Amino acid sequence: MVNSGLTWDEKTLDLFLTSSTKEVPGTAMPVALPDATVRANVIAYLETLGRASAAEASAPGTNETVAIQGPTQDELLHAAQDK
């Protein structure tokens, strides 16, 4: 997604959620949400995540390190070959 060359704003995200393979050809993440209200709700939810992250980053006295767990980018890229 980062390499798509797109600026991920509300309009671009709406187009992506309408038909991901049309907006980002070759994506391995097919998404198609034809209902405009559903897409608006998804985008509104994602915006709350961004605001929460920004608020946490600017909160005074929060120097805690968060351990991120999950697959690496390399693991994701090769997931289809893992059986």
N, C-alpha and C. Protein backbone atom coordinates (compact mmCIF):
# COMPACT_ATOMS: atom_id res chain seq x y z
N MET A 1 0.82 -1.18 0.00
CA MET A 1 0.00 0.00 0.00
C MET A 1 0.87 1.26 0.00
N VAL A 2 1.93 1.24 0.73
CA VAL A 2 2.82 2.40 0.79
C VAL A 2 3.41 2.66 -0.59
N ASN A 3 3.69 1.61 -1.33
CA ASN A 3 4.31 1.75 -2.64
C ASN A 3 3.31 2.06 -3.75
N SER A 4 2.06 2.27 -3.42
CA SER A 4 1.04 2.55 -4.44
C SER A 4 1.21 3.92 -5.07
N GLY A 5 1.92 4.81 -4.38
CA GLY A 5 2.10 6.16 -4.89
C GLY A 5 0.91 7.07 -4.63
N LEU A 6 -0.05 6.57 -3.87
CA LEU A 6 -1.25 7.35 -3.58
C LEU A 6 -1.09 8.15 -2.29
N THR A 7 -1.76 9.27 -2.23
CA THR A 7 -1.87 10.02 -0.98
C THR A 7 -3.14 9.52 -0.31
N TRP A 8 -2.99 8.93 0.86
CA TRP A 8 -4.13 8.29 1.51
C TRP A 8 -4.93 9.32 2.29
N ASP A 9 -5.85 9.96 1.59
CA ASP A 9 -6.78 10.88 2.23
C ASP A 9 -8.17 10.25 2.17
N GLU A 10 -9.18 10.98 2.64
CA GLU A 10 -10.53 10.43 2.70
C GLU A 10 -11.04 10.02 1.32
N LYS A 11 -10.79 10.85 0.31
CA LYS A 11 -11.28 10.56 -1.05
C LYS A 11 -10.62 9.31 -1.61
N THR A 12 -9.29 9.22 -1.49
CA THR A 12 -8.57 8.06 -2.02
C THR A 12 -8.96 6.79 -1.28
N LEU A 13 -9.12 6.89 0.03
CA LEU A 13 -9.52 5.72 0.81
C LEU A 13 -10.92 5.26 0.41
N ASP A 14 -11.82 6.21 0.14
CA ASP A 14 -13.18 5.86 -0.30
C ASP A 14 -13.11 5.11 -1.63
N LEU A 15 -12.30 5.60 -2.56
CA LEU A 15 -12.15 4.91 -3.85
C LEU A 15 -11.56 3.51 -3.66
N PHE A 16 -10.58 3.39 -2.77
CA PHE A 16 -9.97 2.10 -2.49
C PHE A 16 -10.98 1.12 -1.91
N LEU A 17 -11.78 1.59 -0.96
CA LEU A 17 -12.77 0.71 -0.33
C LEU A 17 -13.90 0.33 -1.29
N THR A 18 -14.12 1.16 -2.31
CA THR A 18 -15.13 0.83 -3.32
C THR A 18 -14.66 -0.35 -4.15
N SER A 19 -13.41 -0.32 -4.56
CA SER A 19 -12.84 -1.41 -5.35
C SER A 19 -11.32 -1.34 -5.27
N SER A 20 -10.77 -2.06 -4.33
CA SER A 20 -9.33 -1.98 -4.07
C SER A 20 -8.49 -2.38 -5.27
N THR A 21 -8.92 -3.40 -5.99
CA THR A 21 -8.13 -3.87 -7.12
C THR A 21 -8.15 -2.90 -8.30
N LYS A 22 -9.18 -2.08 -8.38
CA LYS A 22 -9.23 -1.06 -9.42
C LYS A 22 -8.32 0.12 -9.05
N GLU A 23 -8.32 0.49 -7.79
CA GLU A 23 -7.53 1.64 -7.33
C GLU A 23 -6.05 1.30 -7.22
N VAL A 24 -5.74 0.09 -6.77
CA VAL A 24 -4.35 -0.35 -6.62
C VAL A 24 -4.23 -1.70 -7.34
N PRO A 25 -4.01 -1.66 -8.66
CA PRO A 25 -3.92 -2.92 -9.42
C PRO A 25 -2.84 -3.83 -8.84
N GLY A 26 -3.17 -5.11 -8.78
CA GLY A 26 -2.21 -6.09 -8.29
C GLY A 26 -2.22 -6.25 -6.78
N THR A 27 -3.08 -5.49 -6.08
CA THR A 27 -3.10 -5.62 -4.63
C THR A 27 -3.57 -7.01 -4.23
N ALA A 28 -2.98 -7.52 -3.18
CA ALA A 28 -3.36 -8.84 -2.67
C ALA A 28 -4.47 -8.70 -1.64
N MET A 29 -5.03 -7.50 -1.54
CA MET A 29 -6.04 -7.23 -0.52
C MET A 29 -7.35 -6.80 -1.19
N PRO A 30 -8.08 -7.74 -1.80
CA PRO A 30 -9.32 -7.34 -2.48
C PRO A 30 -10.39 -6.89 -1.49
N VAL A 31 -10.88 -5.68 -1.70
CA VAL A 31 -11.94 -5.12 -0.86
C VAL A 31 -12.94 -4.46 -1.79
N ALA A 32 -14.21 -4.66 -1.53
CA ALA A 32 -15.26 -3.99 -2.30
C ALA A 32 -16.43 -3.72 -1.36
N LEU A 33 -16.57 -2.48 -0.94
CA LEU A 33 -17.69 -2.06 -0.11
C LEU A 33 -18.56 -1.12 -0.94
N PRO A 34 -19.59 -1.64 -1.61
CA PRO A 34 -20.38 -0.80 -2.50
C PRO A 34 -21.25 0.23 -1.79
N ASP A 35 -21.56 0.02 -0.53
CA ASP A 35 -22.44 0.92 0.21
C ASP A 35 -21.66 2.14 0.73
N ALA A 36 -22.05 3.33 0.28
CA ALA A 36 -21.35 4.56 0.64
C ALA A 36 -21.38 4.82 2.15
N THR A 37 -22.47 4.45 2.81
CA THR A 37 -22.57 4.66 4.26
C THR A 37 -21.59 3.77 5.00
N VAL A 38 -21.45 2.54 4.57
CA VAL A 38 -20.50 1.61 5.19
C VAL A 38 -19.08 2.15 5.02
N ARG A 39 -18.75 2.62 3.81
CA ARG A 39 -17.41 3.17 3.58
C ARG A 39 -17.17 4.38 4.46
N ALA A 40 -18.18 5.26 4.58
CA ALA A 40 -18.04 6.46 5.42
C ALA A 40 -17.82 6.07 6.87
N ASN A 41 -18.50 5.03 7.33
CA ASN A 41 -18.33 4.58 8.71
C ASN A 41 -16.93 4.00 8.94
N VAL A 42 -16.41 3.25 7.98
CA VAL A 42 -15.06 2.69 8.09
C VAL A 42 -14.04 3.82 8.15
N ILE A 43 -14.20 4.81 7.27
CA ILE A 43 -13.26 5.94 7.22
C ILE A 43 -13.33 6.74 8.52
N ALA A 44 -14.55 6.96 9.04
CA ALA A 44 -14.70 7.69 10.30
C ALA A 44 -14.02 6.94 11.44
N TYR A 45 -14.15 5.62 11.45
CA TYR A 45 -13.50 4.82 12.48
C TYR A 45 -11.98 4.94 12.37
N LEU A 46 -11.45 4.82 11.16
CA LEU A 46 -10.01 4.92 10.96
C LEU A 46 -9.49 6.29 11.38
N GLU A 47 -10.27 7.34 11.17
CA GLU A 47 -9.86 8.67 11.61
C GLU A 47 -9.74 8.75 13.13
N THR A 48 -10.61 8.03 13.85
CA THR A 48 -10.51 8.04 15.31
C THR A 48 -9.22 7.39 15.77
N LEU A 49 -8.75 6.39 15.04
CA LEU A 49 -7.48 5.73 15.39
C LEU A 49 -6.33 6.70 15.23
N GLY A 50 -6.34 7.49 14.16
CA GLY A 50 -5.29 8.46 13.94
C GLY A 50 -5.28 9.54 15.01
N ARG A 51 -6.46 9.99 15.42
CA ARG A 51 -6.54 11.01 16.47
C ARG A 51 -6.06 10.44 17.80
N ALA A 52 -6.41 9.20 18.08
CA ALA A 52 -5.99 8.57 19.34
C ALA A 52 -4.47 8.43 19.38
N SER A 53 -3.87 8.04 18.26
CA SER A 53 -2.41 7.91 18.21
C SER A 53 -1.73 9.25 18.39
N ALA A 54 -2.27 10.28 17.77
CA ALA A 54 -1.69 11.62 17.90
C ALA A 54 -1.81 12.13 19.33
N ALA A 55 -2.95 11.86 19.97
CA ALA A 55 -3.15 12.29 21.35
C ALA A 55 -2.20 11.58 22.29
N GLU A 56 -1.99 10.29 22.07
CA GLU A 56 -1.07 9.54 22.92
C GLU A 56 0.36 10.04 22.74
N ALA A 57 0.72 10.37 21.53
CA ALA A 57 2.09 10.83 21.25
C ALA A 57 2.36 12.18 21.88
N SER A 58 1.33 13.02 21.99
CA SER A 58 1.55 14.35 22.53
C SER A 58 1.23 14.47 24.01
N ALA A 59 0.78 13.38 24.61
CA ALA A 59 0.45 13.42 26.04
C ALA A 59 1.72 13.55 26.87
N PRO A 60 1.75 14.50 27.80
CA PRO A 60 2.95 14.67 28.63
C PRO A 60 3.17 13.49 29.57
N GLY A 61 4.42 13.16 29.77
CA GLY A 61 4.77 12.11 30.73
C GLY A 61 4.54 10.70 30.25
N THR A 62 4.38 10.51 28.95
CA THR A 62 4.18 9.16 28.45
C THR A 62 5.38 8.74 27.64
N ASN A 63 6.38 8.25 28.32
CA ASN A 63 7.60 7.80 27.66
C ASN A 63 7.68 6.29 27.63
N GLU A 64 6.54 5.63 27.70
CA GLU A 64 6.53 4.18 27.69
C GLU A 64 6.80 3.65 26.29
N THR A 65 7.53 2.56 26.23
CA THR A 65 7.78 1.90 24.95
C THR A 65 6.72 0.84 24.75
N VAL A 66 6.11 0.88 23.58
CA VAL A 66 5.07 -0.09 23.26
C VAL A 66 5.70 -1.20 22.43
N ALA A 67 5.51 -2.43 22.89
CA ALA A 67 6.04 -3.58 22.15
C ALA A 67 5.05 -3.94 21.05
N ILE A 68 5.51 -3.85 19.81
CA ILE A 68 4.67 -4.19 18.68
C ILE A 68 4.89 -5.65 18.35
N GLN A 69 3.81 -6.39 18.31
CA GLN A 69 3.92 -7.81 18.02
C GLN A 69 3.11 -8.10 16.76
N GLY A 70 3.54 -9.07 16.04
CA GLY A 70 2.84 -9.45 14.82
C GLY A 70 3.86 -9.82 13.76
N PRO A 71 3.36 -10.16 12.58
CA PRO A 71 4.27 -10.58 11.53
C PRO A 71 5.08 -9.41 10.97
N THR A 72 6.27 -9.72 10.50
CA THR A 72 7.10 -8.70 9.85
C THR A 72 6.61 -8.50 8.42
N GLN A 73 7.07 -7.44 7.77
CA GLN A 73 6.70 -7.21 6.38
C GLN A 73 7.14 -8.38 5.51
N ASP A 74 8.33 -8.90 5.76
CA ASP A 74 8.83 -10.04 4.99
C ASP A 74 7.94 -11.27 5.19
N GLU A 75 7.50 -11.51 6.40
CA GLU A 75 6.61 -12.64 6.67
C GLU A 75 5.29 -12.48 5.93
N LEU A 76 4.77 -11.26 5.89
CA LEU A 76 3.53 -11.00 5.18
C LEU A 76 3.70 -11.23 3.68
N LEU A 77 4.81 -10.76 3.14
CA LEU A 77 5.04 -10.91 1.71
C LEU A 77 5.19 -12.36 1.28
N HIS A 78 5.68 -13.21 2.19
CA HIS A 78 5.89 -14.62 1.86
C HIS A 78 4.87 -15.55 2.50
N ALA A 79 3.77 -15.01 2.99
CA ALA A 79 2.78 -15.81 3.69
C ALA A 79 2.14 -16.87 2.79
N ALA A 80 1.97 -16.57 1.51
CA ALA A 80 1.36 -17.54 0.61
C ALA A 80 2.21 -18.79 0.44
N GLN A 81 3.54 -18.65 0.57
CA GLN A 81 4.42 -19.80 0.40
C GLN A 81 4.49 -20.63 1.68
N ASP A 82 4.14 -20.07 2.82
CA ASP A 82 4.18 -20.81 4.08
C ASP A 82 2.97 -21.72 4.17
N LYS A 83 3.22 -22.94 4.44
CA LYS A 83 2.12 -23.91 4.56
C LYS A 83 2.11 -24.51 5.92
